[in-house]
Amino acid sequence: MRSDLDPYVYLLASRRNGTLYLGVTSNLIQRVAQHRIEAFGGFAAEHGVKLLVWFEQHATMEHAIIREKQIKKWRRAWKLDLIEQQNPDWQDLAIMLGFEPIG
């Protein structure tokens, strides 16, 4: 990871094989923190989607947005495969970014 101010596409989950949320951000650490405290309400907050299970860095925000739109069109099974290719145990990757485990 180059820094926390680069474009990312990310997937959050409520639990393994649970509800998924796909997003794009220029500040992954800040966005994860916002999801964890349910700063904006909405879908992610309503469904308890707080575990960072996959993310991908991009060179530009334009590329990140294109990738997010591409993945949004995918079937759920393809999104699960994407997660499991890089994170087969569905670990909360936010911990490696300095976050406390969710209890």
N, C-alpha and C. Protein backbone atom coordinates (compact mmCIF):
# COMPACT_ATOMS: atom_id res chain seq x y z
N MET A 1 0.84 -1.17 0.00
CA MET A 1 0.00 0.00 0.00
C MET A 1 0.89 1.24 0.00
N ARG A 2 0.65 2.17 -0.91
CA ARG A 2 1.49 3.37 -1.00
C ARG A 2 1.20 4.36 0.11
N SER A 3 -0.05 4.70 0.32
CA SER A 3 -0.44 5.61 1.40
C SER A 3 -1.93 5.45 1.61
N ASP A 4 -2.46 6.18 2.59
CA ASP A 4 -3.89 6.08 2.85
C ASP A 4 -4.69 7.07 2.01
N LEU A 5 -4.05 7.79 1.09
CA LEU A 5 -4.75 8.76 0.25
C LEU A 5 -4.70 8.37 -1.22
N ASP A 6 -4.88 7.14 -1.51
CA ASP A 6 -4.90 6.62 -2.87
C ASP A 6 -6.26 5.98 -3.15
N PRO A 7 -6.64 5.91 -4.42
CA PRO A 7 -7.94 5.32 -4.76
C PRO A 7 -7.99 3.80 -4.51
N TYR A 8 -9.05 3.39 -3.86
CA TYR A 8 -9.28 1.97 -3.56
C TYR A 8 -10.71 1.58 -3.89
N VAL A 9 -10.88 0.35 -4.31
CA VAL A 9 -12.18 -0.30 -4.36
C VAL A 9 -12.14 -1.30 -3.21
N TYR A 10 -13.24 -1.43 -2.48
CA TYR A 10 -13.22 -2.29 -1.30
C TYR A 10 -14.55 -3.02 -1.13
N LEU A 11 -14.46 -4.16 -0.46
CA LEU A 11 -15.65 -4.93 -0.08
C LEU A 11 -15.66 -5.10 1.42
N LEU A 12 -16.81 -4.79 2.00
CA LEU A 12 -17.07 -5.04 3.41
C LEU A 12 -18.09 -6.16 3.51
N ALA A 13 -18.06 -6.88 4.62
CA ALA A 13 -19.03 -7.95 4.85
C ALA A 13 -19.53 -7.90 6.28
N SER A 14 -20.72 -8.41 6.48
CA SER A 14 -21.27 -8.50 7.84
C SER A 14 -20.67 -9.70 8.57
N ARG A 15 -20.29 -10.72 7.82
CA ARG A 15 -19.68 -11.94 8.33
C ARG A 15 -19.30 -12.77 7.11
N ARG A 16 -18.68 -13.90 7.32
CA ARG A 16 -18.34 -14.78 6.20
C ARG A 16 -19.61 -15.14 5.43
N ASN A 17 -19.59 -14.95 4.14
CA ASN A 17 -20.74 -15.22 3.25
C ASN A 17 -21.98 -14.41 3.62
N GLY A 18 -21.80 -13.34 4.37
CA GLY A 18 -22.93 -12.50 4.77
C GLY A 18 -23.22 -11.42 3.75
N THR A 19 -23.83 -10.36 4.23
CA THR A 19 -24.17 -9.22 3.38
C THR A 19 -22.88 -8.53 2.95
N LEU A 20 -22.82 -8.13 1.68
CA LEU A 20 -21.65 -7.46 1.13
C LEU A 20 -21.96 -6.02 0.79
N TYR A 21 -20.94 -5.18 0.88
CA TYR A 21 -21.03 -3.78 0.46
C TYR A 21 -19.78 -3.46 -0.34
N LEU A 22 -19.96 -2.94 -1.53
CA LEU A 22 -18.86 -2.57 -2.41
C LEU A 22 -18.78 -1.05 -2.47
N GLY A 23 -17.57 -0.52 -2.31
CA GLY A 23 -17.42 0.92 -2.36
C GLY A 23 -16.09 1.33 -2.99
N VAL A 24 -15.95 2.64 -3.18
CA VAL A 24 -14.73 3.22 -3.71
C VAL A 24 -14.40 4.43 -2.84
N THR A 25 -13.11 4.67 -2.61
CA THR A 25 -12.70 5.78 -1.75
C THR A 25 -11.29 6.22 -2.10
N SER A 26 -10.97 7.45 -1.75
CA SER A 26 -9.59 7.93 -1.90
C SER A 26 -8.84 7.85 -0.57
N ASN A 27 -9.55 7.43 0.49
CA ASN A 27 -8.91 7.32 1.80
C ASN A 27 -9.50 6.09 2.51
N LEU A 28 -8.87 4.95 2.30
CA LEU A 28 -9.40 3.68 2.80
C LEU A 28 -9.51 3.66 4.32
N ILE A 29 -8.50 4.16 5.02
CA ILE A 29 -8.53 4.12 6.48
C ILE A 29 -9.69 4.96 7.02
N GLN A 30 -9.85 6.15 6.49
CA GLN A 30 -10.95 7.01 6.93
C GLN A 30 -12.30 6.36 6.63
N ARG A 31 -12.44 5.78 5.44
CA ARG A 31 -13.73 5.19 5.06
C ARG A 31 -14.07 3.98 5.93
N VAL A 32 -13.09 3.15 6.23
CA VAL A 32 -13.33 2.01 7.11
C VAL A 32 -13.78 2.50 8.49
N ALA A 33 -13.12 3.53 8.99
CA ALA A 33 -13.50 4.10 10.29
C ALA A 33 -14.94 4.61 10.25
N GLN A 34 -15.32 5.25 9.17
CA GLN A 34 -16.69 5.76 9.03
C GLN A 34 -17.70 4.61 9.02
N HIS A 35 -17.39 3.54 8.33
CA HIS A 35 -18.29 2.37 8.32
C HIS A 35 -18.40 1.77 9.72
N ARG A 36 -17.30 1.70 10.43
CA ARG A 36 -17.31 1.07 11.75
C ARG A 36 -18.16 1.84 12.75
N ILE A 37 -18.20 3.16 12.64
CA ILE A 37 -19.03 3.94 13.57
C ILE A 37 -20.39 4.28 12.97
N GLU A 38 -20.67 3.73 11.79
CA GLU A 38 -21.95 3.94 11.10
C GLU A 38 -22.23 5.43 10.91
N ALA A 39 -21.20 6.15 10.46
CA ALA A 39 -21.27 7.61 10.32
C ALA A 39 -22.34 8.09 9.35
N PHE A 40 -22.65 7.30 8.34
CA PHE A 40 -23.59 7.76 7.32
C PHE A 40 -24.91 7.01 7.32
N GLY A 41 -25.07 6.04 8.21
CA GLY A 41 -26.30 5.25 8.17
C GLY A 41 -26.37 4.48 6.86
N GLY A 42 -27.56 4.30 6.35
CA GLY A 42 -27.73 3.64 5.05
C GLY A 42 -27.56 2.14 5.10
N PHE A 43 -27.38 1.58 3.92
CA PHE A 43 -27.35 0.13 3.73
C PHE A 43 -26.32 -0.56 4.62
N ALA A 44 -25.07 -0.09 4.58
CA ALA A 44 -24.00 -0.75 5.34
C ALA A 44 -24.31 -0.76 6.83
N ALA A 45 -24.78 0.36 7.35
CA ALA A 45 -25.10 0.44 8.78
C ALA A 45 -26.30 -0.44 9.12
N GLU A 46 -27.31 -0.41 8.29
CA GLU A 46 -28.53 -1.20 8.54
C GLU A 46 -28.24 -2.70 8.57
N HIS A 47 -27.23 -3.13 7.82
CA HIS A 47 -26.93 -4.57 7.72
C HIS A 47 -25.69 -4.98 8.49
N GLY A 48 -25.12 -4.08 9.28
CA GLY A 48 -23.96 -4.43 10.09
C GLY A 48 -22.74 -4.81 9.29
N VAL A 49 -22.55 -4.16 8.15
CA VAL A 49 -21.46 -4.48 7.24
C VAL A 49 -20.24 -3.65 7.63
N LYS A 50 -19.31 -4.28 8.39
CA LYS A 50 -18.17 -3.54 8.95
C LYS A 50 -16.82 -4.22 8.75
N LEU A 51 -16.80 -5.45 8.30
CA LEU A 51 -15.54 -6.19 8.15
C LEU A 51 -14.94 -5.93 6.77
N LEU A 52 -13.74 -5.40 6.73
CA LEU A 52 -13.05 -5.18 5.46
C LEU A 52 -12.48 -6.52 5.00
N VAL A 53 -13.04 -7.09 3.95
CA VAL A 53 -12.63 -8.43 3.53
C VAL A 53 -11.85 -8.46 2.22
N TRP A 54 -11.86 -7.33 1.50
CA TRP A 54 -11.12 -7.25 0.24
C TRP A 54 -10.93 -5.80 -0.13
N PHE A 55 -9.77 -5.47 -0.68
CA PHE A 55 -9.59 -4.14 -1.26
C PHE A 55 -8.54 -4.22 -2.35
N GLU A 56 -8.60 -3.24 -3.24
CA GLU A 56 -7.71 -3.19 -4.39
C GLU A 56 -7.35 -1.73 -4.63
N GLN A 57 -6.08 -1.45 -4.73
CA GLN A 57 -5.61 -0.09 -4.96
C GLN A 57 -5.51 0.19 -6.46
N HIS A 58 -5.79 1.44 -6.83
CA HIS A 58 -5.72 1.84 -8.23
C HIS A 58 -4.87 3.09 -8.39
N ALA A 59 -4.36 3.29 -9.59
CA ALA A 59 -3.50 4.44 -9.87
C ALA A 59 -4.27 5.75 -9.87
N THR A 60 -5.52 5.71 -10.33
CA THR A 60 -6.33 6.93 -10.38
C THR A 60 -7.73 6.63 -9.88
N MET A 61 -8.43 7.67 -9.46
CA MET A 61 -9.81 7.51 -9.02
C MET A 61 -10.68 7.05 -10.19
N GLU A 62 -10.39 7.53 -11.38
CA GLU A 62 -11.15 7.12 -12.55
C GLU A 62 -11.08 5.60 -12.73
N HIS A 63 -9.90 5.03 -12.59
CA HIS A 63 -9.74 3.58 -12.72
C HIS A 63 -10.49 2.85 -11.61
N ALA A 64 -10.43 3.39 -10.40
CA ALA A 64 -11.13 2.76 -9.27
C ALA A 64 -12.63 2.76 -9.50
N ILE A 65 -13.18 3.85 -9.99
CA ILE A 65 -14.63 3.94 -10.24
C ILE A 65 -15.05 2.98 -11.34
N ILE A 66 -14.24 2.88 -12.38
CA ILE A 66 -14.54 1.92 -13.46
C ILE A 66 -14.57 0.50 -12.91
N ARG A 67 -13.59 0.16 -12.08
CA ARG A 67 -13.52 -1.19 -11.49
C ARG A 67 -14.71 -1.44 -10.57
N GLU A 68 -15.07 -0.44 -9.76
CA GLU A 68 -16.23 -0.60 -8.87
C GLU A 68 -17.49 -0.87 -9.68
N LYS A 69 -17.70 -0.12 -10.73
CA LYS A 69 -18.90 -0.32 -11.57
C LYS A 69 -18.88 -1.70 -12.21
N GLN A 70 -17.70 -2.16 -12.61
CA GLN A 70 -17.56 -3.50 -13.19
C GLN A 70 -17.97 -4.57 -12.18
N ILE A 71 -17.42 -4.48 -10.97
CA ILE A 71 -17.69 -5.49 -9.95
C ILE A 71 -19.15 -5.44 -9.50
N LYS A 72 -19.76 -4.25 -9.45
CA LYS A 72 -21.17 -4.13 -9.06
C LYS A 72 -22.08 -4.95 -9.96
N LYS A 73 -21.68 -5.13 -11.21
CA LYS A 73 -22.49 -5.89 -12.16
C LYS A 73 -22.31 -7.40 -12.01
N TRP A 74 -21.31 -7.80 -11.27
CA TRP A 74 -21.01 -9.23 -11.12
C TRP A 74 -22.08 -9.94 -10.30
N ARG A 75 -22.18 -11.24 -10.54
CA ARG A 75 -23.00 -12.09 -9.68
C ARG A 75 -22.35 -12.19 -8.31
N ARG A 76 -23.18 -12.46 -7.32
CA ARG A 76 -22.68 -12.59 -5.95
C ARG A 76 -21.57 -13.64 -5.84
N ALA A 77 -21.75 -14.77 -6.51
CA ALA A 77 -20.75 -15.84 -6.45
C ALA A 77 -19.38 -15.37 -6.92
N TRP A 78 -19.36 -14.50 -7.92
CA TRP A 78 -18.08 -14.00 -8.43
C TRP A 78 -17.43 -13.09 -7.38
N LYS A 79 -18.24 -12.31 -6.67
CA LYS A 79 -17.70 -11.45 -5.62
C LYS A 79 -17.14 -12.29 -4.48
N LEU A 80 -17.83 -13.36 -4.13
CA LEU A 80 -17.33 -14.26 -3.08
C LEU A 80 -16.00 -14.89 -3.51
N ASP A 81 -15.90 -15.28 -4.77
CA ASP A 81 -14.65 -15.83 -5.28
C ASP A 81 -13.53 -14.80 -5.23
N LEU A 82 -13.84 -13.55 -5.55
CA LEU A 82 -12.85 -12.48 -5.49
C LEU A 82 -12.29 -12.35 -4.08
N ILE A 83 -13.18 -12.36 -3.10
CA ILE A 83 -12.75 -12.28 -1.70
C ILE A 83 -11.89 -13.48 -1.35
N GLU A 84 -12.37 -14.67 -1.66
CA GLU A 84 -11.70 -15.89 -1.22
C GLU A 84 -10.37 -16.14 -1.91
N GLN A 85 -10.16 -15.55 -3.09
CA GLN A 85 -8.85 -15.67 -3.75
C GLN A 85 -7.76 -15.00 -2.93
N GLN A 86 -8.07 -13.86 -2.32
CA GLN A 86 -7.08 -13.11 -1.55
C GLN A 86 -7.24 -13.27 -0.04
N ASN A 87 -8.41 -13.66 0.40
CA ASN A 87 -8.70 -13.71 1.84
C ASN A 87 -9.58 -14.93 2.13
N PRO A 88 -9.03 -16.13 1.97
CA PRO A 88 -9.85 -17.34 2.09
C PRO A 88 -10.48 -17.54 3.47
N ASP A 89 -9.91 -16.95 4.49
CA ASP A 89 -10.46 -17.11 5.84
C ASP A 89 -11.37 -15.96 6.25
N TRP A 90 -11.61 -15.03 5.32
CA TRP A 90 -12.48 -13.87 5.57
C TRP A 90 -12.02 -13.09 6.80
N GLN A 91 -10.73 -12.92 6.94
CA GLN A 91 -10.20 -12.13 8.05
C GLN A 91 -10.56 -10.66 7.84
N ASP A 92 -10.68 -9.93 8.94
CA ASP A 92 -10.94 -8.50 8.87
C ASP A 92 -9.61 -7.81 8.54
N LEU A 93 -9.45 -7.40 7.31
CA LEU A 93 -8.21 -6.80 6.84
C LEU A 93 -7.96 -5.42 7.45
N ALA A 94 -8.97 -4.84 8.07
CA ALA A 94 -8.81 -3.54 8.73
C ALA A 94 -7.80 -3.64 9.88
N ILE A 95 -7.66 -4.83 10.45
CA ILE A 95 -6.71 -5.01 11.55
C ILE A 95 -5.29 -4.71 11.09
N MET A 96 -4.96 -5.11 9.86
CA MET A 96 -3.61 -4.82 9.35
C MET A 96 -3.43 -3.34 9.03
N LEU A 97 -4.53 -2.58 9.02
CA LEU A 97 -4.46 -1.13 8.83
C LEU A 97 -4.44 -0.39 10.16
N GLY A 98 -4.43 -1.15 11.26
CA GLY A 98 -4.32 -0.54 12.58
C GLY A 98 -5.61 -0.49 13.39
N PHE A 99 -6.68 -1.07 12.88
CA PHE A 99 -7.94 -1.07 13.60
C PHE A 99 -7.99 -2.20 14.63
N GLU A 100 -8.75 -1.99 15.68
CA GLU A 100 -9.00 -3.04 16.67
C GLU A 100 -9.95 -4.07 16.09
N PRO A 101 -9.85 -5.33 16.48
CA PRO A 101 -10.81 -6.33 16.03
C PRO A 101 -12.23 -5.96 16.47
N ILE A 102 -13.18 -6.31 15.65
CA ILE A 102 -14.59 -6.07 16.01
C ILE A 102 -15.02 -7.22 16.90
N GLY A 103 -15.57 -6.88 18.06
CA GLY A 103 -15.95 -7.88 19.04
C GLY A 103 -17.20 -8.50 18.80
